[in-house]
Amino acid sequence: MKNRAQLLEDSLLVIWNDRNSQNRLQAMQRIYASDIQFFETDGDEPFVGHDAINDVIGKLQSEWPVEFSFQLTEPAKANNEIQLISWTLGIPGQTPVAKGSDVAIIENGKIKSLHLFLG
């Protein structure tokens, strides 16, 4: 059976791990709604749309060593239109520098909103 939370896994492993902005934009068209909202911090305005999120990813990646990547800590989970994933960030095989979870709201087969929880 295909993982019902594949969209969220692809968001993290395909989009957020890719250092090529054009590749990210192509993947976003398949995975994210065009008006996706990314909520990074509680109380702040979301980043809206593919270009805004692509810019955020590029900025963050420019601050990380090239060896950094996101790794799943367990398979993503789905409950109807809600998906949850837990992850670490860092150099694979070493102590992670960050860990957290993402929650996605799915609408019409694409991620409509993405919410970050740092752990």
C-alpha atoms as a PDB file:
ATOM      1  CA  MET A   1       0.000   0.000   0.000  1.00  0.00           C
ATOM      2  CA  LYS A   2       1.317   3.427  -0.956  1.00  0.00           C
ATOM      3  CA  ASN A   3       2.043   5.741   1.953  1.00  0.00           C
ATOM      4  CA  ARG A   4      -0.981   8.055   2.271  1.00  0.00           C
ATOM      5  CA  ALA A   5       1.323  10.795   3.543  1.00  0.00           C
ATOM      6  CA  GLN A   6       3.618  10.648   0.498  1.00  0.00           C
ATOM      7  CA  LEU A   7       2.960  14.323  -0.315  1.00  0.00           C
ATOM      8  CA  LEU A   8       4.459  15.410   2.978  1.00  0.00           C
ATOM      9  CA  GLU A   9       7.427  13.035   2.667  1.00  0.00           C
ATOM     10  CA  ASP A  10       8.079  14.422  -0.826  1.00  0.00           C
ATOM     11  CA  SER A  11       7.783  17.966   0.508  1.00  0.00           C
ATOM     12  CA  LEU A  12      10.572  17.315   2.968  1.00  0.00           C
ATOM     13  CA  LEU A  13      12.825  14.894   1.095  1.00  0.00           C
ATOM     14  CA  VAL A  14      12.352  16.117  -2.488  1.00  0.00           C
ATOM     15  CA  ILE A  15      11.718  19.870  -2.104  1.00  0.00           C
ATOM     16  CA  TRP A  16      13.477  20.879   1.121  1.00  0.00           C
ATOM     17  CA  ASN A  17      16.559  18.724   0.475  1.00  0.00           C
ATOM     18  CA  ASP A  18      17.077  19.918  -3.112  1.00  0.00           C
ATOM     19  CA  ARG A  19      19.624  22.721  -3.497  1.00  0.00           C
ATOM     20  CA  ASN A  20      18.574  23.520  -7.075  1.00  0.00           C
ATOM     21  CA  SER A  21      15.856  26.182  -7.052  1.00  0.00           C
ATOM     22  CA  GLN A  22      14.468  25.230 -10.499  1.00  0.00           C
ATOM     23  CA  ASN A  23      14.135  21.585  -9.457  1.00  0.00           C
ATOM     24  CA  ARG A  24      12.370  22.705  -6.272  1.00  0.00           C
ATOM     25  CA  LEU A  25       9.898  24.845  -8.232  1.00  0.00           C
ATOM     26  CA  GLN A  26       9.066  21.938 -10.542  1.00  0.00           C
ATOM     27  CA  ALA A  27       8.472  19.638  -7.569  1.00  0.00           C
ATOM     28  CA  MET A  28       6.355  22.309  -5.864  1.00  0.00           C
ATOM     29  CA  GLN A  29       3.985  22.395  -8.828  1.00  0.00           C
ATOM     30  CA  ARG A  30       3.318  18.691  -8.295  1.00  0.00           C
ATOM     31  CA  ILE A  31       3.172  18.705  -4.474  1.00  0.00           C
ATOM     32  CA  TYR A  32       1.993  22.172  -3.326  1.00  0.00           C
ATOM     33  CA  ALA A  33      -1.148  24.128  -4.155  1.00  0.00           C
ATOM     34  CA  SER A  34      -0.240  27.315  -6.036  1.00  0.00           C
ATOM     35  CA  ASP A  35      -1.391  29.415  -3.056  1.00  0.00           C
ATOM     36  CA  ILE A  36       0.220  27.223  -0.380  1.00  0.00           C
ATOM     37  CA  GLN A  37       0.831  28.876   2.974  1.00  0.00           C
ATOM     38  CA  PHE A  38       3.939  27.961   4.994  1.00  0.00           C
ATOM     39  CA  PHE A  39       3.675  28.848   8.686  1.00  0.00           C
ATOM     40  CA  GLU A  40       7.213  28.931  10.087  1.00  0.00           C
ATOM     41  CA  THR A  41       6.624  30.617  13.458  1.00  0.00           C
ATOM     42  CA  ASP A  42       3.490  30.958  15.565  1.00  0.00           C
ATOM     43  CA  GLY A  43       2.066  34.456  15.269  1.00  0.00           C
ATOM     44  CA  ASP A  44       4.038  35.417  12.138  1.00  0.00           C
ATOM     45  CA  GLU A  45       2.521  35.879   8.703  1.00  0.00           C
ATOM     46  CA  PRO A  46       2.861  32.817   6.463  1.00  0.00           C
ATOM     47  CA  PHE A  47       5.002  32.621   3.361  1.00  0.00           C
ATOM     48  CA  VAL A  48       2.546  32.270   0.465  1.00  0.00           C
ATOM     49  CA  GLY A  49       3.130  30.630  -2.905  1.00  0.00           C
ATOM     50  CA  HIS A  50       5.875  28.637  -4.578  1.00  0.00           C
ATOM     51  CA  ASP A  51       8.264  31.540  -5.156  1.00  0.00           C
ATOM     52  CA  ALA A  52       8.136  32.759  -1.551  1.00  0.00           C
ATOM     53  CA  ILE A  53       8.746  29.282  -0.155  1.00  0.00           C
ATOM     54  CA  ASN A  54      11.494  28.611  -2.688  1.00  0.00           C
ATOM     55  CA  ASP A  55      13.220  31.817  -1.551  1.00  0.00           C
ATOM     56  CA  VAL A  56      12.966  30.757   2.112  1.00  0.00           C
ATOM     57  CA  ILE A  57      14.462  27.352   1.347  1.00  0.00           C
ATOM     58  CA  GLY A  58      17.310  28.891  -0.655  1.00  0.00           C
ATOM     59  CA  LYS A  59      18.108  31.367   2.120  1.00  0.00           C
ATOM     60  CA  LEU A  60      18.125  28.668   4.790  1.00  0.00           C
ATOM     61  CA  GLN A  61      20.216  26.303   2.694  1.00  0.00           C
ATOM     62  CA  SER A  62      22.797  29.057   2.104  1.00  0.00           C
ATOM     63  CA  GLU A  63      23.351  29.128   5.884  1.00  0.00           C
ATOM     64  CA  TRP A  64      23.883  25.334   6.176  1.00  0.00           C
ATOM     65  CA  PRO A  65      26.844  23.164   5.198  1.00  0.00           C
ATOM     66  CA  VAL A  66      26.177  21.443   1.861  1.00  0.00           C
ATOM     67  CA  GLU A  67      26.182  18.055   3.632  1.00  0.00           C
ATOM     68  CA  PHE A  68      23.062  18.975   5.649  1.00  0.00           C
ATOM     69  CA  SER A  69      19.850  17.187   4.784  1.00  0.00           C
ATOM     70  CA  PHE A  70      16.516  16.333   6.310  1.00  0.00           C
ATOM     71  CA  GLN A  71      16.026  12.747   7.455  1.00  0.00           C
ATOM     72  CA  LEU A  72      12.754  11.139   8.511  1.00  0.00           C
ATOM     73  CA  THR A  73      12.641   9.855  12.074  1.00  0.00           C
ATOM     74  CA  GLU A  74       9.668   7.639  11.184  1.00  0.00           C
ATOM     75  CA  PRO A  75       7.281   7.292   8.243  1.00  0.00           C
ATOM     76  CA  ALA A  76       4.806  10.113   7.744  1.00  0.00           C
ATOM     77  CA  LYS A  77       1.272   9.630   9.022  1.00  0.00           C
ATOM     78  CA  ALA A  78      -2.079  10.635   7.554  1.00  0.00           C
ATOM     79  CA  ASN A  79      -5.526  11.145   9.019  1.00  0.00           C
ATOM     80  CA  ASN A  80      -7.902  12.172   6.258  1.00  0.00           C
ATOM     81  CA  GLU A  81      -6.681  15.557   4.968  1.00  0.00           C
ATOM     82  CA  ILE A  82      -4.060  16.031   7.729  1.00  0.00           C
ATOM     83  CA  GLN A  83      -0.506  14.693   7.357  1.00  0.00           C
ATOM     84  CA  LEU A  84       2.279  14.624   9.989  1.00  0.00           C
ATOM     85  CA  ILE A  85       5.998  14.005   9.608  1.00  0.00           C
ATOM     86  CA  SER A  86       8.889  14.092  12.101  1.00  0.00           C
ATOM     87  CA  TRP A  87      12.438  14.822  11.000  1.00  0.00           C
ATOM     88  CA  THR A  88      15.989  15.754  11.880  1.00  0.00           C
ATOM     89  CA  LEU A  89      18.346  18.127  10.088  1.00  0.00           C
ATOM     90  CA  GLY A  90      22.085  17.788   9.885  1.00  0.00           C
ATOM     91  CA  ILE A  91      24.851  15.661   8.446  1.00  0.00           C
ATOM     92  CA  PRO A  92      23.592  12.064   8.112  1.00  0.00           C
ATOM     93  CA  GLY A  93      25.222   9.774  10.673  1.00  0.00           C
ATOM     94  CA  GLN A  94      26.077  12.645  13.018  1.00  0.00           C
ATOM     95  CA  THR A  95      24.142  14.291  15.836  1.00  0.00           C
ATOM     96  CA  PRO A  96      21.408  16.427  14.246  1.00  0.00           C
ATOM     97  CA  VAL A  97      21.483  20.191  14.685  1.00  0.00           C
ATOM     98  CA  ALA A  98      17.693  20.467  14.625  1.00  0.00           C
ATOM     99  CA  LYS A  99      14.636  18.296  14.911  1.00  0.00           C
ATOM    100  CA  GLY A 100      10.986  18.938  14.454  1.00  0.00           C
ATOM    101  CA  SER A 101       7.714  18.015  12.826  1.00  0.00           C
ATOM    102  CA  ASP A 102       5.651  19.313   9.945  1.00  0.00           C
ATOM    103  CA  VAL A 103       1.888  19.187   9.681  1.00  0.00           C
ATOM    104  CA  ALA A 104       0.258  19.571   6.289  1.00  0.00           C
ATOM    105  CA  ILE A 105      -3.334  20.233   5.315  1.00  0.00           C
ATOM    106  CA  ILE A 106      -4.201  18.532   2.024  1.00  0.00           C
ATOM    107  CA  GLU A 107      -6.768  19.957  -0.383  1.00  0.00           C
ATOM    108  CA  ASN A 108      -7.526  18.656  -3.875  1.00  0.00           C
ATOM    109  CA  GLY A 109      -4.568  16.276  -3.765  1.00  0.00           C
ATOM    110  CA  LYS A 110      -1.940  18.918  -2.916  1.00  0.00           C
ATOM    111  CA  ILE A 111      -0.497  20.496   0.222  1.00  0.00           C
ATOM    112  CA  LYS A 112      -2.540  23.630   0.915  1.00  0.00           C
ATOM    113  CA  SER A 113      -0.784  24.652   4.140  1.00  0.00           C
ATOM    114  CA  LEU A 114       2.394  23.561   5.887  1.00  0.00           C
ATOM    115  CA  HIS A 115       3.062  24.150   9.586  1.00  0.00           C
ATOM    116  CA  LEU A 116       6.520  23.823  11.185  1.00  0.00           C
ATOM    117  CA  PHE A 117       7.036  22.702  14.783  1.00  0.00           C
ATOM    118  CA  LEU A 118      10.655  22.807  15.972  1.00  0.00           C
ATOM    119  CA  GLY A 119      11.427  20.235  18.637  1.00  0.00           C
END
